Protein backbone atom coordinates (compact mmCIF):
# COMPACT_ATOMS: atom_id res chain seq x y z
CA UNK A 1 0.00 0.00 0.00
CA UNK A 2 1.43 3.37 -1.03
CA UNK A 3 1.51 6.56 1.06
CA UNK A 4 -1.49 8.07 -0.74
CA UNK A 5 -3.66 5.04 0.06
CA UNK A 6 -2.64 5.19 3.72
CA UNK A 7 -3.52 8.89 3.90
CA UNK A 8 -6.88 8.28 2.20
CA UNK A 9 -7.70 5.50 4.66
CA UNK A 10 -6.76 7.74 7.58
CA UNK A 11 -8.93 10.57 6.28
CA UNK A 12 -11.86 8.21 5.79
CA UNK A 13 -11.46 6.86 9.33
CA UNK A 14 -11.32 10.36 10.79
CA UNK A 15 -14.47 11.33 8.88
CA UNK A 16 -16.31 8.23 10.15
CA UNK A 17 -15.24 8.96 13.73
CA UNK A 18 -16.32 12.59 13.45
CA UNK A 19 -19.67 11.49 12.02
CA UNK A 20 -20.16 9.08 14.91
CA UNK A 21 -19.34 11.76 17.48
CA UNK A 22 -21.72 14.21 15.87
CA UNK A 23 -24.51 11.64 15.86
CA UNK A 24 -23.74 10.88 19.50
CA UNK A 25 -24.36 14.52 20.42
CA UNK A 26 -27.59 14.76 18.40
CA UNK A 27 -29.15 11.42 17.48
CA UNK A 28 -28.00 7.87 18.03
CA UNK A 29 -24.85 6.22 16.65
CA UNK A 30 -26.25 4.95 13.34
CA UNK A 31 -22.71 4.22 12.22
CA UNK A 32 -22.61 1.34 14.71
CA UNK A 33 -25.81 -0.36 13.56
CA UNK A 34 -25.81 -3.76 11.89
CA UNK A 35 -27.89 -4.42 8.75
CA UNK A 36 -31.60 -4.47 9.61
CA UNK A 37 -32.03 -8.14 8.77
CA UNK A 38 -29.52 -8.91 11.54
CA UNK A 39 -31.60 -7.34 14.33
CA UNK A 40 -35.18 -7.17 13.02
CA UNK A 41 -36.45 -10.25 14.86
CA UNK A 42 -34.61 -9.37 18.08
CA UNK A 43 -36.33 -5.97 18.18
CA UNK A 44 -39.74 -7.66 18.42
CA UNK A 45 -41.03 -8.24 21.93
CA UNK A 46 -42.86 -11.48 22.76
CA UNK A 47 -46.61 -11.34 22.20
CA UNK A 48 -47.35 -11.54 25.92
CA UNK A 49 -49.65 -8.50 26.00
CA UNK A 50 -47.41 -6.68 28.49
CA UNK A 51 -45.45 -3.45 28.21
CA UNK A 52 -43.14 -2.99 31.17
CA UNK A 53 -42.02 0.51 32.10
CA UNK A 54 -40.83 2.80 34.87
CA UNK A 55 -41.71 6.09 36.51
CA UNK A 56 -38.94 7.59 38.67
CA UNK A 57 -40.19 10.18 41.15
CA UNK A 58 -37.00 12.18 41.70
CA UNK A 59 -38.93 14.41 44.09
CA UNK A 60 -39.06 11.57 46.62
CA UNK A 61 -35.56 10.06 46.36
CA UNK A 62 -33.30 10.99 49.31
CA UNK A 63 -30.19 9.20 48.08
CA UNK A 64 -30.03 6.19 50.40
CA UNK A 65 -28.59 4.01 47.57
CA UNK A 66 -30.80 1.13 48.70
CA UNK A 67 -31.73 0.47 45.06
CA UNK A 68 -28.05 0.18 44.09
CA UNK A 69 -27.22 -2.16 46.97
CA UNK A 70 -30.25 -4.35 46.23
CA UNK A 71 -29.32 -4.47 42.55
CA UNK A 72 -25.71 -5.42 43.31
CA UNK A 73 -26.78 -8.15 45.72
CA UNK A 74 -29.46 -9.52 43.40
CA UNK A 75 -27.27 -9.57 40.30
CA UNK A 76 -23.80 -10.14 41.79
CA UNK A 77 -22.43 -6.85 40.41
CA UNK A 78 -18.70 -6.43 41.17
CA UNK A 79 -17.20 -3.51 43.07
CA UNK A 80 -16.71 -0.42 40.94
CA UNK A 81 -19.40 -1.50 38.45
CA UNK A 82 -23.05 -0.48 38.41
CA UNK A 83 -26.22 -1.68 36.73
CA UNK A 84 -27.97 1.31 38.28
CA UNK A 85 -26.64 4.48 39.86
CA UNK A 86 -27.94 7.54 41.67
CA UNK A 87 -27.18 10.82 39.93
CA UNK A 88 -26.34 13.77 42.22
CA UNK A 89 -27.14 17.34 41.31
CA UNK A 90 -26.67 20.36 43.62
CA UNK A 91 -28.71 23.45 42.88
CA UNK A 92 -29.44 26.83 44.40
CA UNK A 93 -32.85 27.18 46.01
CA UNK A 94 -34.95 30.25 45.07
CA UNK A 95 -35.07 31.33 48.72
CA UNK A 96 -31.30 30.99 49.03
CA UNK A 97 -28.99 28.18 50.05
CA UNK A 98 -28.15 24.95 48.29
CA UNK A 99 -30.08 21.71 47.90
CA UNK A 100 -29.29 18.33 46.42
CA UNK A 101 -31.35 16.36 43.94
CA UNK A 102 -30.87 12.59 43.71
CA UNK A 103 -32.08 10.68 40.65
CA UNK A 104 -32.02 6.85 40.47
CA UNK A 105 -30.81 5.89 36.99
CA UNK A 106 -30.68 2.64 34.99
CA UNK A 107 -31.36 1.23 31.53
CA UNK A 108 -34.24 3.01 29.80
CA UNK A 109 -35.44 -0.21 28.07
CA UNK A 110 -35.98 1.67 24.84
CA UNK A 111 -38.60 0.53 22.36
CA UNK A 112 -36.23 1.51 19.55
CA UNK A 113 -33.13 0.23 21.33
CA UNK A 114 -29.84 1.24 19.66
CA UNK A 115 -27.93 -1.38 21.66
CA UNK A 116 -29.88 -4.17 19.97
CA UNK A 117 -29.25 -2.67 16.54
CA UNK A 118 -25.52 -2.37 17.22
CA UNK A 119 -24.96 -5.86 18.69
CA UNK A 120 -23.02 -7.91 16.10
CA UNK A 121 -23.34 -11.28 17.84
CA UNK A 122 -27.11 -11.21 18.34
CA UNK A 123 -27.07 -11.35 22.15
CA UNK A 124 -29.25 -8.29 22.86
CA UNK A 125 -32.97 -8.80 22.33
CA UNK A 126 -36.45 -7.95 23.63
CA UNK A 127 -37.71 -10.17 26.43
CA UNK A 128 -40.92 -10.30 28.45
CA UNK A 129 -42.91 -7.07 28.34
CA UNK A 130 -40.37 -5.53 25.95
CA UNK A 131 -37.52 -5.58 28.46
CA UNK A 132 -34.13 -5.24 26.75
CA UNK A 133 -32.09 -8.29 27.74
CA UNK A 134 -28.77 -10.02 27.01
CA UNK A 135 -28.30 -13.69 26.11
CA UNK A 136 -25.08 -14.60 27.91
CA UNK A 137 -24.70 -17.79 25.90
CA UNK A 138 -24.21 -15.57 22.86
CA UNK A 139 -22.57 -12.32 24.08
CA UNK A 140 -18.92 -11.99 23.03
CA UNK A 141 -18.10 -8.70 24.77
CA UNK A 142 -17.66 -6.79 21.51
CA UNK A 143 -18.98 -3.65 23.32
CA UNK A 144 -20.74 -2.05 20.34
CA UNK A 145 -23.84 -1.97 22.54
CA UNK A 146 -22.01 0.10 25.13
CA UNK A 147 -20.80 2.51 22.46
CA UNK A 148 -24.32 2.86 21.07
CA UNK A 149 -26.20 3.35 24.35
CA UNK A 150 -27.09 7.06 24.76
CA UNK A 151 -27.60 6.63 28.51
CA UNK A 152 -24.39 4.91 29.68
CA UNK A 153 -26.41 1.98 30.99
CA UNK A 154 -24.13 -0.87 29.87
CA UNK A 155 -20.75 -1.97 31.21
CA UNK A 156 -18.38 -4.73 30.12
CA UNK A 157 -17.63 -7.23 32.87
CA UNK A 158 -13.83 -7.37 33.28
CA UNK A 159 -13.79 -11.09 34.09
CA UNK A 160 -16.47 -12.58 31.84
CA UNK A 161 -15.81 -10.01 29.07
CA UNK A 162 -19.53 -9.69 28.47
CA UNK A 163 -21.97 -6.79 28.42
CA UNK A 164 -24.03 -6.28 31.57
CA UNK A 165 -27.14 -4.13 32.05
CA UNK A 166 -30.48 -3.97 33.82
CA UNK A 167 -32.88 -6.71 32.70
CA UNK A 168 -35.83 -5.60 34.87
CA UNK A 169 -35.08 -8.52 37.21
CA UNK A 170 -36.92 -10.86 34.85
CA UNK A 171 -36.27 -13.80 37.17
CA UNK A 172 -38.25 -12.01 39.90
CA UNK A 173 -41.05 -10.80 37.62
CA UNK A 174 -41.58 -14.36 36.39
CA UNK A 175 -42.53 -15.42 39.93
CA UNK A 176 -44.70 -12.38 40.67
CA UNK A 177 -42.12 -10.17 42.42
CA UNK A 178 -41.01 -6.61 41.69
CA UNK A 179 -37.47 -5.81 40.55
CA UNK A 180 -35.16 -5.79 43.56
CA UNK A 181 -34.55 -2.03 43.39
CA UNK A 182 -38.25 -1.11 43.35
CA UNK A 183 -39.04 -3.55 46.16
CA UNK A 184 -36.24 -2.08 48.30
CA UNK A 185 -36.78 1.68 47.78
CA UNK A 186 -37.97 3.11 51.14
CA UNK A 187 -39.08 6.45 49.69
CA UNK A 188 -41.27 4.90 46.97
CA UNK A 189 -39.39 6.77 44.26
CA UNK A 190 -39.31 3.79 41.86
CA UNK A 191 -42.49 2.59 40.16
CA UNK A 192 -42.39 -0.41 37.84
CA UNK A 193 -45.13 -2.35 36.14
CA UNK A 194 -47.24 -3.07 33.09
CA UNK A 195 -48.08 0.11 31.18
CA UNK A 196 -50.77 -1.80 29.29
CA UNK A 197 -52.64 -2.27 32.56
CA UNK A 198 -54.41 1.02 33.40
CA UNK A 199 -54.89 -0.18 36.98
CA UNK A 200 -51.20 -0.79 37.67
CA UNK A 201 -49.49 1.62 40.07
CA UNK A 202 -47.05 2.76 37.41
CA UNK A 203 -49.85 3.50 34.91
CA UNK A 204 -51.86 5.45 37.46
CA UNK A 205 -48.87 7.56 38.54
CA UNK A 206 -47.83 8.17 34.93
CA UNK A 207 -51.34 9.35 34.03
CA UNK A 208 -51.49 11.63 37.09
CA UNK A 209 -48.12 13.23 36.35
CA UNK A 210 -49.04 13.69 32.70
CA UNK A 211 -52.19 15.59 33.72
CA UNK A 212 -50.04 17.79 35.96
CA UNK A 213 -47.45 18.41 33.25
CA UNK A 214 -44.81 17.01 35.58
CA UNK A 215 -43.44 14.16 33.46
CA UNK A 216 -40.30 14.14 31.30
CA UNK A 217 -37.98 11.70 29.55
CA UNK A 218 -34.23 11.59 29.22
CA UNK A 219 -32.66 12.87 25.98
CA UNK A 220 -35.74 12.79 23.73
CA UNK A 221 -33.60 13.98 20.81
CA UNK A 222 -32.17 10.45 20.65
CA UNK A 223 -35.63 9.19 19.57
CA UNK A 224 -35.17 5.81 21.24
CA UNK A 225 -38.67 5.76 22.79
CA UNK A 226 -37.47 4.97 26.33
CA UNK A 227 -39.77 3.15 28.75
CA UNK A 228 -38.70 5.31 31.69
CA UNK A 229 -40.26 8.61 32.74
CA UNK A 230 -39.13 11.08 35.41
CA UNK A 231 -41.31 13.21 37.66
CA UNK A 232 -40.04 16.78 37.67
CA UNK A 233 -40.97 20.30 38.72
CA UNK A 234 -39.52 23.79 38.27
CA UNK A 235 -36.90 23.15 40.95
CA UNK A 236 -36.03 19.66 39.69
CA UNK A 237 -36.03 20.17 35.94
CA UNK A 238 -34.56 17.27 33.99
CA UNK A 239 -32.43 19.66 31.92
CA UNK A 240 -30.47 20.60 35.06
CA UNK A 241 -29.21 17.12 35.89
CA UNK A 242 -29.30 15.45 32.45
CA UNK A 243 -25.68 16.42 31.58
CA UNK A 244 -24.45 14.30 34.52
CA UNK A 245 -25.88 11.10 33.03
CA UNK A 246 -23.20 9.22 31.03
CA UNK A 247 -23.63 8.84 27.30
CA UNK A 248 -22.39 6.80 24.35
CA UNK A 249 -19.32 4.73 25.14
CA UNK A 250 -19.54 5.50 28.86
CA UNK A 251 -20.79 3.58 31.91
CA UNK A 252 -21.80 4.39 35.47
CA UNK A 253 -18.77 4.59 37.75
CA UNK A 254 -17.62 5.43 41.28
CA UNK A 255 -16.18 8.80 40.20
CA UNK A 256 -19.75 10.12 40.11
CA UNK A 257 -19.70 10.13 43.92
CA UNK A 258 -16.42 12.01 44.32
CA UNK A 259 -16.76 15.07 46.57
CA UNK A 260 -14.65 16.97 44.05
CA UNK A 261 -17.46 16.69 41.49
CA UNK A 262 -20.36 17.87 43.62
CA UNK A 263 -20.22 21.42 42.32
CA UNK A 264 -19.57 20.52 38.71
CA UNK A 265 -22.29 21.61 36.29
CA UNK A 266 -21.94 18.26 34.57
């Protein structure tokens, strides 16, 4: 290969990387997606009549981290890794003084999930109620899913070399239990259930908050149709804390809790 060919390849690679970064800031990383025929079937949820989703009432969370501890214990998550994490945001109160907002965060279980579209080995798929899940008999740890996730909700296990994320505690749901985090939360900030059931607690709260204009979703510009909604108000606007949520190619990590980052705007 001559020098010109090398330079042309380098320029093409730089252009592709720049395109991917630009898409990451605006939409999703289309450059990571596999051909549609590779993921079409895996994007279809089972015909079980259910549509699982979440409402996170950030107005109630007081940052006990009970959801994180329950998740780690339930799913054997190693130290320094997180399937879910609590986002901290300090803000100035209108009457003066500072206050802290805590927001429990995890996989958004998107209807149009970019992680599924990016997975080259076919491990990511829709499970019961549309939950986005990983088949660990198939996952090779390629990490395209992590790079494609706009919410930083996937990490690569350093020992198994496989992708790990929230799966809505499917093993608990199958026997009539709530996900471990929701069952543990003492402030009742986490609501999970079947959105197709108008009588479920999550459906009732979602409808109430929608009537009040107090419901928002994370990064709607990504157009992933997430199944998680956040209760908000003028003092707890999602735009204030959204920059602290990791994005494409990132994962939750212990640095988020460093005292040196408490005053950072992002």
